[in-house]
Amino acid sequence: MAPPPDPRPEISALVEQLRPALLRFVCSQRIPRWDAEDLIQSALAALVQRWPTIAYKERWLQGTVRWMCVVYWRRQRSGPLVVANSAWLEDFEGAGAGLERREEQLALTLACTQLPYRERQVVHLRYRLGMTLAEAGRVLGCWKTSVLRDERRAIARLKAFTGRPCR
């Protein structure tokens, strides 16, 4: 029995043909370029791994990239936002010298007064008192997922109020 033909030339040709269109599509979904490249690489790795079992390879790859875009945005909405934004918020709280630092802290304090009551409570418990999600949830009488949701909303509003970009 003869070994199956080498699929590498066929894979290379397909990748060369589809890569620009896939990259345009992913970028049209407002995914940053560096994440778009990673997403396409992941889809291509999955294609190579499943190559012998896929009947319509071009359509499979396009569908996989579309699905990966959906998953990307779901993870962005519910993923590491708090970690990145916690550092953003803690920048205001850190000890710093000078008038600029005091002005930033004052701007944040004023912005906090504009938050809805529940979000203001969450910011106070989490960043002024240093409570965990579970501790803040116990104090507020709610689930820690509710605290997390309110924290994310508060941080998004604070960014908009202060006009300070996140890192």
N, C-alpha and C. Protein backbone atom coordinates (compact mmCIF):
# COMPACT_ATOMS: atom_id res chain seq x y z
N MET A 1 0.85 -1.17 0.00
CA MET A 1 0.00 0.00 0.00
C MET A 1 0.90 1.24 0.00
N ALA A 2 0.61 2.18 -0.86
CA ALA A 2 1.42 3.40 -1.01
C ALA A 2 1.05 4.41 0.08
N PRO A 3 2.05 5.13 0.55
CA PRO A 3 1.75 6.15 1.57
C PRO A 3 0.92 7.29 0.95
N PRO A 4 0.13 7.96 1.78
CA PRO A 4 -0.69 9.07 1.24
C PRO A 4 0.21 10.20 0.75
N PRO A 5 -0.27 10.98 -0.22
CA PRO A 5 0.56 12.07 -0.74
C PRO A 5 0.80 13.14 0.33
N ASP A 6 1.92 13.82 0.19
CA ASP A 6 2.29 14.87 1.15
C ASP A 6 1.36 16.08 0.99
N PRO A 7 0.62 16.47 2.05
CA PRO A 7 -0.33 17.58 1.93
C PRO A 7 0.32 18.96 2.06
N ARG A 8 1.60 19.04 2.39
CA ARG A 8 2.23 20.35 2.64
C ARG A 8 2.12 21.33 1.48
N PRO A 9 2.36 20.94 0.24
CA PRO A 9 2.22 21.92 -0.86
C PRO A 9 0.78 22.43 -0.98
N GLU A 10 -0.17 21.55 -0.79
CA GLU A 10 -1.58 21.95 -0.87
C GLU A 10 -1.94 22.90 0.27
N ILE A 11 -1.44 22.63 1.46
CA ILE A 11 -1.69 23.50 2.62
C ILE A 11 -1.06 24.87 2.38
N SER A 12 0.17 24.89 1.90
CA SER A 12 0.86 26.16 1.63
C SER A 12 0.13 27.00 0.60
N ALA A 13 -0.35 26.36 -0.45
CA ALA A 13 -1.08 27.09 -1.49
C ALA A 13 -2.37 27.68 -0.93
N LEU A 14 -3.09 26.91 -0.12
CA LEU A 14 -4.33 27.39 0.47
C LEU A 14 -4.08 28.56 1.42
N VAL A 15 -3.03 28.45 2.22
CA VAL A 15 -2.70 29.52 3.17
C VAL A 15 -2.33 30.79 2.42
N GLU A 16 -1.51 30.68 1.38
CA GLU A 16 -1.13 31.86 0.58
C GLU A 16 -2.35 32.51 -0.04
N GLN A 17 -3.27 31.69 -0.51
CA GLN A 17 -4.47 32.21 -1.17
C GLN A 17 -5.41 32.90 -0.18
N LEU A 18 -5.62 32.33 1.00
CA LEU A 18 -6.63 32.82 1.92
C LEU A 18 -6.13 33.79 2.99
N ARG A 19 -4.87 33.76 3.31
CA ARG A 19 -4.35 34.56 4.44
C ARG A 19 -4.69 36.05 4.34
N PRO A 20 -4.49 36.73 3.20
CA PRO A 20 -4.83 38.16 3.16
C PRO A 20 -6.31 38.43 3.42
N ALA A 21 -7.18 37.60 2.85
CA ALA A 21 -8.61 37.80 3.06
C ALA A 21 -9.00 37.52 4.51
N LEU A 22 -8.40 36.50 5.11
CA LEU A 22 -8.68 36.20 6.51
C LEU A 22 -8.22 37.34 7.41
N LEU A 23 -7.05 37.88 7.13
CA LEU A 23 -6.53 38.98 7.93
C LEU A 23 -7.42 40.22 7.80
N ARG A 24 -7.88 40.51 6.59
CA ARG A 24 -8.80 41.63 6.39
C ARG A 24 -10.09 41.42 7.17
N PHE A 25 -10.61 40.20 7.12
CA PHE A 25 -11.86 39.91 7.83
C PHE A 25 -11.67 40.08 9.34
N VAL A 26 -10.61 39.51 9.88
CA VAL A 26 -10.39 39.58 11.32
C VAL A 26 -10.20 41.03 11.76
N CYS A 27 -9.46 41.81 11.00
CA CYS A 27 -9.27 43.22 11.34
C CYS A 27 -10.57 44.01 11.19
N SER A 28 -11.44 43.60 10.28
CA SER A 28 -12.74 44.27 10.15
C SER A 28 -13.63 44.01 11.36
N GLN A 29 -13.30 42.99 12.12
CA GLN A 29 -14.05 42.69 13.35
C GLN A 29 -13.51 43.48 14.54
N ARG A 30 -12.63 44.45 14.25
CA ARG A 30 -12.02 45.34 15.26
C ARG A 30 -11.14 44.59 16.26
N ILE A 31 -10.53 43.55 15.78
CA ILE A 31 -9.57 42.81 16.59
C ILE A 31 -8.20 43.40 16.29
N PRO A 32 -7.43 43.77 17.32
CA PRO A 32 -6.11 44.36 17.08
C PRO A 32 -5.23 43.46 16.22
N ARG A 33 -4.35 44.08 15.46
CA ARG A 33 -3.52 43.36 14.49
C ARG A 33 -2.73 42.22 15.13
N TRP A 34 -2.13 42.48 16.31
CA TRP A 34 -1.31 41.43 16.94
C TRP A 34 -2.18 40.25 17.38
N ASP A 35 -3.39 40.50 17.82
CA ASP A 35 -4.28 39.41 18.18
C ASP A 35 -4.84 38.74 16.93
N ALA A 36 -5.03 39.51 15.87
CA ALA A 36 -5.53 38.95 14.61
C ALA A 36 -4.54 37.92 14.06
N GLU A 37 -3.26 38.24 14.12
CA GLU A 37 -2.24 37.31 13.65
C GLU A 37 -2.28 36.01 14.46
N ASP A 38 -2.39 36.14 15.78
CA ASP A 38 -2.44 34.95 16.64
C ASP A 38 -3.68 34.11 16.35
N LEU A 39 -4.79 34.78 16.14
CA LEU A 39 -6.04 34.08 15.86
C LEU A 39 -5.93 33.29 14.56
N ILE A 40 -5.39 33.91 13.54
CA ILE A 40 -5.23 33.22 12.25
C ILE A 40 -4.25 32.06 12.38
N GLN A 41 -3.17 32.25 13.10
CA GLN A 41 -2.21 31.16 13.31
C GLN A 41 -2.87 29.98 14.01
N SER A 42 -3.72 30.26 15.00
CA SER A 42 -4.43 29.18 15.70
C SER A 42 -5.36 28.43 14.76
N ALA A 43 -6.05 29.17 13.91
CA ALA A 43 -6.96 28.54 12.95
C ALA A 43 -6.17 27.68 11.96
N LEU A 44 -5.03 28.18 11.51
CA LEU A 44 -4.20 27.40 10.58
C LEU A 44 -3.63 26.15 11.24
N ALA A 45 -3.26 26.25 12.50
CA ALA A 45 -2.77 25.07 13.22
C ALA A 45 -3.87 24.02 13.33
N ALA A 46 -5.10 24.47 13.60
CA ALA A 46 -6.22 23.53 13.67
C ALA A 46 -6.49 22.91 12.30
N LEU A 47 -6.33 23.69 11.24
CA LEU A 47 -6.52 23.18 9.88
C LEU A 47 -5.51 22.08 9.57
N VAL A 48 -4.25 22.33 9.88
CA VAL A 48 -3.21 21.34 9.61
C VAL A 48 -3.47 20.06 10.40
N GLN A 49 -3.88 20.23 11.64
CA GLN A 49 -4.13 19.07 12.49
C GLN A 49 -5.29 18.21 11.97
N ARG A 50 -6.30 18.84 11.43
CA ARG A 50 -7.50 18.11 10.97
C ARG A 50 -7.56 17.94 9.45
N TRP A 51 -6.50 18.27 8.77
CA TRP A 51 -6.46 18.28 7.30
C TRP A 51 -7.11 17.06 6.65
N PRO A 52 -6.75 15.85 7.03
CA PRO A 52 -7.30 14.69 6.31
C PRO A 52 -8.81 14.52 6.49
N THR A 53 -9.38 15.06 7.54
CA THR A 53 -10.81 14.84 7.82
C THR A 53 -11.71 15.94 7.29
N ILE A 54 -11.14 17.03 6.76
CA ILE A 54 -11.95 18.17 6.30
C ILE A 54 -12.21 18.03 4.81
N ALA A 55 -13.49 18.08 4.44
CA ALA A 55 -13.85 17.94 3.03
C ALA A 55 -13.68 19.27 2.28
N TYR A 56 -14.25 20.34 2.80
CA TYR A 56 -14.20 21.65 2.14
C TYR A 56 -13.29 22.56 2.96
N LYS A 57 -12.01 22.48 2.68
CA LYS A 57 -11.00 23.11 3.51
C LYS A 57 -11.10 24.63 3.57
N GLU A 58 -11.34 25.27 2.43
CA GLU A 58 -11.44 26.73 2.39
C GLU A 58 -12.62 27.21 3.24
N ARG A 59 -13.76 26.61 3.06
CA ARG A 59 -14.96 27.00 3.84
C ARG A 59 -14.77 26.68 5.32
N TRP A 60 -14.13 25.56 5.62
CA TRP A 60 -13.89 25.21 7.02
C TRP A 60 -13.01 26.25 7.70
N LEU A 61 -11.95 26.67 7.00
CA LEU A 61 -11.03 27.65 7.55
C LEU A 61 -11.74 29.00 7.76
N GLN A 62 -12.53 29.42 6.81
CA GLN A 62 -13.25 30.68 6.95
C GLN A 62 -14.24 30.62 8.12
N GLY A 63 -14.96 29.52 8.22
CA GLY A 63 -15.90 29.36 9.32
C GLY A 63 -15.20 29.31 10.67
N THR A 64 -14.06 28.65 10.72
CA THR A 64 -13.30 28.56 11.97
C THR A 64 -12.80 29.94 12.40
N VAL A 65 -12.31 30.72 11.46
CA VAL A 65 -11.84 32.07 11.78
C VAL A 65 -13.01 32.93 12.27
N ARG A 66 -14.15 32.81 11.62
CA ARG A 66 -15.33 33.57 12.08
C ARG A 66 -15.68 33.20 13.51
N TRP A 67 -15.71 31.91 13.79
CA TRP A 67 -16.05 31.46 15.13
C TRP A 67 -15.01 31.93 16.15
N MET A 68 -13.74 31.89 15.76
CA MET A 68 -12.68 32.33 16.67
C MET A 68 -12.82 33.83 16.98
N CYS A 69 -13.32 34.62 16.04
CA CYS A 69 -13.57 36.05 16.30
C CYS A 69 -14.66 36.20 17.36
N VAL A 70 -15.71 35.41 17.24
CA VAL A 70 -16.79 35.46 18.24
C VAL A 70 -16.25 35.10 19.62
N VAL A 71 -15.48 34.03 19.68
CA VAL A 71 -14.91 33.58 20.95
C VAL A 71 -13.96 34.64 21.50
N TYR A 72 -13.18 35.28 20.65
CA TYR A 72 -12.26 36.33 21.07
C TYR A 72 -13.01 37.44 21.80
N TRP A 73 -14.10 37.92 21.20
CA TRP A 73 -14.83 39.03 21.82
C TRP A 73 -15.56 38.59 23.09
N ARG A 74 -16.00 37.36 23.14
CA ARG A 74 -16.61 36.87 24.38
C ARG A 74 -15.59 36.86 25.51
N ARG A 75 -14.39 36.42 25.20
CA ARG A 75 -13.33 36.39 26.22
C ARG A 75 -12.91 37.80 26.62
N GLN A 76 -12.89 38.71 25.67
CA GLN A 76 -12.51 40.09 25.99
C GLN A 76 -13.52 40.73 26.93
N ARG A 77 -14.80 40.42 26.71
CA ARG A 77 -15.83 41.00 27.57
C ARG A 77 -15.81 40.42 28.97
N SER A 78 -15.50 39.14 29.09
CA SER A 78 -15.60 38.51 30.40
C SER A 78 -14.26 38.07 30.96
N GLY A 79 -13.19 38.41 30.28
CA GLY A 79 -11.89 37.88 30.68
C GLY A 79 -11.09 38.79 31.58
N PRO A 80 -9.85 39.05 31.22
CA PRO A 80 -8.90 39.69 32.12
C PRO A 80 -9.05 41.20 32.24
N LEU A 81 -10.21 41.73 31.94
CA LEU A 81 -10.43 43.17 32.01
C LEU A 81 -10.12 43.72 33.38
N VAL A 82 -10.55 43.04 34.42
CA VAL A 82 -10.37 43.55 35.77
C VAL A 82 -8.89 43.61 36.15
N VAL A 83 -8.11 42.63 35.74
CA VAL A 83 -6.69 42.63 36.07
C VAL A 83 -6.00 43.85 35.47
N ALA A 84 -6.23 44.08 34.20
CA ALA A 84 -5.60 45.22 33.53
C ALA A 84 -6.12 46.53 34.11
N ASN A 85 -7.42 46.60 34.36
CA ASN A 85 -8.00 47.83 34.84
C ASN A 85 -7.72 48.07 36.31
N SER A 86 -7.47 47.02 37.07
CA SER A 86 -7.09 47.21 38.46
C SER A 86 -5.78 47.98 38.53
N ALA A 87 -4.85 47.63 37.68
CA ALA A 87 -3.57 48.35 37.65
C ALA A 87 -3.81 49.79 37.24
N TRP A 88 -4.72 50.01 36.31
CA TRP A 88 -5.04 51.36 35.86
C TRP A 88 -5.58 52.18 37.03
N LEU A 89 -6.50 51.60 37.79
CA LEU A 89 -7.11 52.31 38.89
C LEU A 89 -6.12 52.49 40.04
N GLU A 90 -5.29 51.50 40.29
CA GLU A 90 -4.33 51.60 41.39
C GLU A 90 -3.25 52.65 41.11
N ASP A 91 -3.03 52.99 39.84
CA ASP A 91 -2.09 54.07 39.52
C ASP A 91 -2.52 55.37 40.20
N PHE A 92 -3.81 55.59 40.29
CA PHE A 92 -4.30 56.80 40.93
C PHE A 92 -4.07 56.78 42.43
N GLU A 93 -4.10 55.59 43.02
CA GLU A 93 -4.04 55.47 44.47
C GLU A 93 -2.62 55.46 45.01
N GLY A 94 -1.65 55.12 44.19
CA GLY A 94 -0.27 54.99 44.66
C GLY A 94 0.30 56.29 45.19
N ALA A 95 1.32 56.15 46.01
CA ALA A 95 1.95 57.34 46.56
C ALA A 95 2.78 58.00 45.48
N GLY A 96 2.52 59.26 45.25
CA GLY A 96 3.27 59.99 44.26
C GLY A 96 3.46 61.42 44.72
N ALA A 97 4.51 62.02 44.31
CA ALA A 97 4.77 63.38 44.72
C ALA A 97 4.35 64.32 43.61
N GLY A 98 4.08 65.51 43.99
CA GLY A 98 3.86 66.53 43.00
C GLY A 98 2.40 66.87 42.80
N LEU A 99 2.22 68.02 42.20
CA LEU A 99 0.90 68.56 41.96
C LEU A 99 0.12 67.73 40.95
N GLU A 100 0.80 67.22 39.92
CA GLU A 100 0.12 66.41 38.90
C GLU A 100 -0.54 65.19 39.52
N ARG A 101 0.16 64.51 40.41
CA ARG A 101 -0.37 63.31 41.05
C ARG A 101 -1.61 63.64 41.87
N ARG A 102 -1.55 64.74 42.60
CA ARG A 102 -2.70 65.15 43.41
C ARG A 102 -3.88 65.51 42.53
N GLU A 103 -3.60 66.16 41.40
CA GLU A 103 -4.68 66.51 40.47
C GLU A 103 -5.33 65.26 39.89
N GLU A 104 -4.52 64.26 39.57
CA GLU A 104 -5.07 63.00 39.07
C GLU A 104 -5.96 62.33 40.11
N GLN A 105 -5.49 62.31 41.35
CA GLN A 105 -6.28 61.69 42.41
C GLN A 105 -7.57 62.46 42.65
N LEU A 106 -7.50 63.77 42.59
CA LEU A 106 -8.70 64.58 42.75
C LEU A 106 -9.68 64.33 41.61
N ALA A 107 -9.16 64.22 40.38
CA ALA A 107 -10.02 63.94 39.23
C ALA A 107 -10.72 62.59 39.40
N LEU A 108 -10.00 61.61 39.90
CA LEU A 108 -10.60 60.30 40.12
C LEU A 108 -11.66 60.36 41.22
N THR A 109 -11.37 61.06 42.29
CA THR A 109 -12.33 61.19 43.38
C THR A 109 -13.59 61.89 42.89
N LEU A 110 -13.45 62.93 42.11
CA LEU A 110 -14.62 63.63 41.56
C LEU A 110 -15.39 62.73 40.60
N ALA A 111 -14.66 61.97 39.80
CA ALA A 111 -15.33 61.05 38.88
C ALA A 111 -16.10 59.99 39.65
N CYS A 112 -15.56 59.53 40.77
CA CYS A 112 -16.26 58.53 41.59
C CYS A 112 -17.60 59.06 42.09
N THR A 113 -17.69 60.36 42.34
CA THR A 113 -18.97 60.91 42.81
C THR A 113 -20.04 60.85 41.74
N GLN A 114 -19.63 60.71 40.49
CA GLN A 114 -20.58 60.63 39.38
C GLN A 114 -21.08 59.21 39.12
N LEU A 115 -20.46 58.23 39.78
CA LEU A 115 -20.87 56.84 39.59
C LEU A 115 -22.20 56.57 40.27
N PRO A 116 -22.97 55.61 39.76
CA PRO A 116 -24.15 55.16 40.49
C PRO A 116 -23.75 54.64 41.86
N TYR A 117 -24.68 54.68 42.81
CA TYR A 117 -24.38 54.35 44.19
C TYR A 117 -23.72 52.99 44.35
N ARG A 118 -24.25 51.96 43.71
CA ARG A 118 -23.72 50.60 43.86
C ARG A 118 -22.29 50.50 43.35
N GLU A 119 -22.01 51.11 42.20
CA GLU A 119 -20.67 51.08 41.65
C GLU A 119 -19.69 51.86 42.53
N ARG A 120 -20.15 52.95 43.11
CA ARG A 120 -19.32 53.72 44.04
C ARG A 120 -18.96 52.88 45.26
N GLN A 121 -19.94 52.11 45.75
CA GLN A 121 -19.67 51.21 46.88
C GLN A 121 -18.62 50.17 46.52
N VAL A 122 -18.77 49.58 45.35
CA VAL A 122 -17.83 48.53 44.91
C VAL A 122 -16.42 49.10 44.80
N VAL A 123 -16.27 50.26 44.19
CA VAL A 123 -14.94 50.87 44.06
C VAL A 123 -14.35 51.13 45.44
N HIS A 124 -15.16 51.64 46.35
CA HIS A 124 -14.68 51.92 47.70
C HIS A 124 -14.21 50.64 48.40
N LEU A 125 -15.04 49.60 48.34
CA LEU A 125 -14.70 48.35 49.01
C LEU A 125 -13.47 47.68 48.39
N ARG A 126 -13.41 47.67 47.07
CA ARG A 126 -12.34 46.94 46.39
C ARG A 126 -11.01 47.71 46.41
N TYR A 127 -11.04 49.03 46.19
CA TYR A 127 -9.79 49.76 45.99
C TYR A 127 -9.39 50.64 47.17
N ARG A 128 -10.32 51.09 47.93
CA ARG A 128 -9.95 51.88 49.12
C ARG A 128 -9.70 50.95 50.31
N LEU A 129 -10.58 49.94 50.46
CA LEU A 129 -10.44 49.03 51.59
C LEU A 129 -9.70 47.74 51.24
N GLY A 130 -9.50 47.47 49.97
CA GLY A 130 -8.72 46.32 49.53
C GLY A 130 -9.41 44.98 49.70
N MET A 131 -10.72 44.95 49.64
CA MET A 131 -11.45 43.68 49.81
C MET A 131 -11.40 42.84 48.55
N THR A 132 -11.54 41.53 48.72
CA THR A 132 -11.64 40.63 47.58
C THR A 132 -13.06 40.69 47.05
N LEU A 133 -13.28 40.03 45.91
CA LEU A 133 -14.64 39.98 45.34
C LEU A 133 -15.61 39.33 46.32
N ALA A 134 -15.18 38.23 46.92
CA ALA A 134 -16.06 37.50 47.84
C ALA A 134 -16.38 38.34 49.07
N GLU A 135 -15.38 39.03 49.62
CA GLU A 135 -15.62 39.87 50.80
C GLU A 135 -16.56 41.02 50.47
N ALA A 136 -16.33 41.67 49.34
CA ALA A 136 -17.22 42.76 48.94
C ALA A 136 -18.63 42.25 48.71
N GLY A 137 -18.75 41.06 48.13
CA GLY A 137 -20.07 40.46 47.91
C GLY A 137 -20.80 40.21 49.22
N ARG A 138 -20.07 39.74 50.22
CA ARG A 138 -20.69 39.51 51.54
C ARG A 138 -21.17 40.82 52.15
N VAL A 139 -20.36 41.86 52.06
CA VAL A 139 -20.73 43.16 52.62
C VAL A 139 -21.96 43.72 51.91
N LEU A 140 -21.99 43.59 50.59
CA LEU A 140 -23.10 44.14 49.81
C LEU A 140 -24.31 43.22 49.76
N GLY A 141 -24.12 41.97 50.20
CA GLY A 141 -25.22 41.01 50.17
C GLY A 141 -25.57 40.52 48.78
N CYS A 142 -24.54 40.27 47.98
CA CYS A 142 -24.77 39.80 46.61
C CYS A 142 -23.67 38.81 46.22
N TRP A 143 -23.81 38.23 45.05
CA TRP A 143 -22.82 37.30 44.53
C TRP A 143 -21.57 38.05 44.11
N LYS A 144 -20.43 37.35 44.14
CA LYS A 144 -19.19 38.00 43.72
C LYS A 144 -19.20 38.31 42.23
N THR A 145 -19.98 37.58 41.44
CA THR A 145 -20.08 37.91 40.02
C THR A 145 -20.78 39.24 39.81
N SER A 146 -21.73 39.57 40.69
CA SER A 146 -22.39 40.88 40.62
C SER A 146 -21.40 41.99 40.97
N VAL A 147 -20.55 41.73 41.95
CA VAL A 147 -19.53 42.71 42.32
C VAL A 147 -18.58 42.92 41.15
N LEU A 148 -18.18 41.83 40.51
CA LEU A 148 -17.28 41.91 39.36
C LEU A 148 -17.91 42.72 38.23
N ARG A 149 -19.18 42.47 37.95
CA ARG A 149 -19.88 43.21 36.90
C ARG A 149 -19.90 44.70 37.22
N ASP A 150 -20.27 45.04 38.47
CA ASP A 150 -20.33 46.45 38.86
C ASP A 150 -18.95 47.10 38.83
N GLU A 151 -17.92 46.34 39.20
CA GLU A 151 -16.55 46.86 39.16
C GLU A 151 -16.15 47.18 37.72
N ARG A 152 -16.44 46.30 36.80
CA ARG A 152 -16.11 46.55 35.39
C ARG A 152 -16.83 47.78 34.87
N ARG A 153 -18.09 47.88 35.19
CA ARG A 153 -18.86 49.04 34.74
C ARG A 153 -18.29 50.33 35.33
N ALA A 154 -17.96 50.29 36.62
CA ALA A 154 -17.42 51.47 37.28
C ALA A 154 -16.10 51.89 36.64
N ILE A 155 -15.23 50.93 36.38
CA ILE A 155 -13.94 51.27 35.79
C ILE A 155 -14.11 51.84 34.39
N ALA A 156 -15.03 51.28 33.62
CA ALA A 156 -15.28 51.82 32.28
C ALA A 156 -15.79 53.26 32.36
N ARG A 157 -16.68 53.52 33.32
CA ARG A 157 -17.19 54.88 33.49
C ARG A 157 -16.08 55.83 33.97
N LEU A 158 -15.26 55.35 34.87
CA LEU A 158 -14.17 56.20 35.37
C LEU A 158 -13.20 56.56 34.25
N LYS A 159 -12.92 55.61 33.38
CA LYS A 159 -12.05 55.91 32.25
C LYS A 159 -12.66 56.98 31.38
N ALA A 160 -13.96 56.87 31.13
CA ALA A 160 -14.64 57.87 30.31
C ALA A 160 -14.65 59.23 31.00
N PHE A 161 -14.92 59.26 32.30
CA PHE A 161 -14.96 60.52 33.05
C PHE A 161 -13.61 61.20 33.09
N THR A 162 -12.56 60.44 33.37
CA THR A 162 -11.23 61.05 33.54
C THR A 162 -10.53 61.30 32.21
N GLY A 163 -10.95 60.58 31.18
CA GLY A 163 -10.30 60.75 29.88
C GLY A 163 -8.90 60.17 29.86
N ARG A 164 -8.58 59.36 30.85
CA ARG A 164 -7.24 58.76 30.93
C ARG A 164 -7.27 57.40 30.26
N PRO A 165 -6.42 57.16 29.26
CA PRO A 165 -6.44 55.86 28.58
C PRO A 165 -5.92 54.74 29.45
N CYS A 166 -6.40 53.56 29.18
CA CYS A 166 -5.93 52.37 29.88
C CYS A 166 -4.69 51.87 29.18
N ARG A 167 -3.81 51.20 29.92
CA ARG A 167 -2.58 50.67 29.31
C ARG A 167 -2.83 49.37 28.64
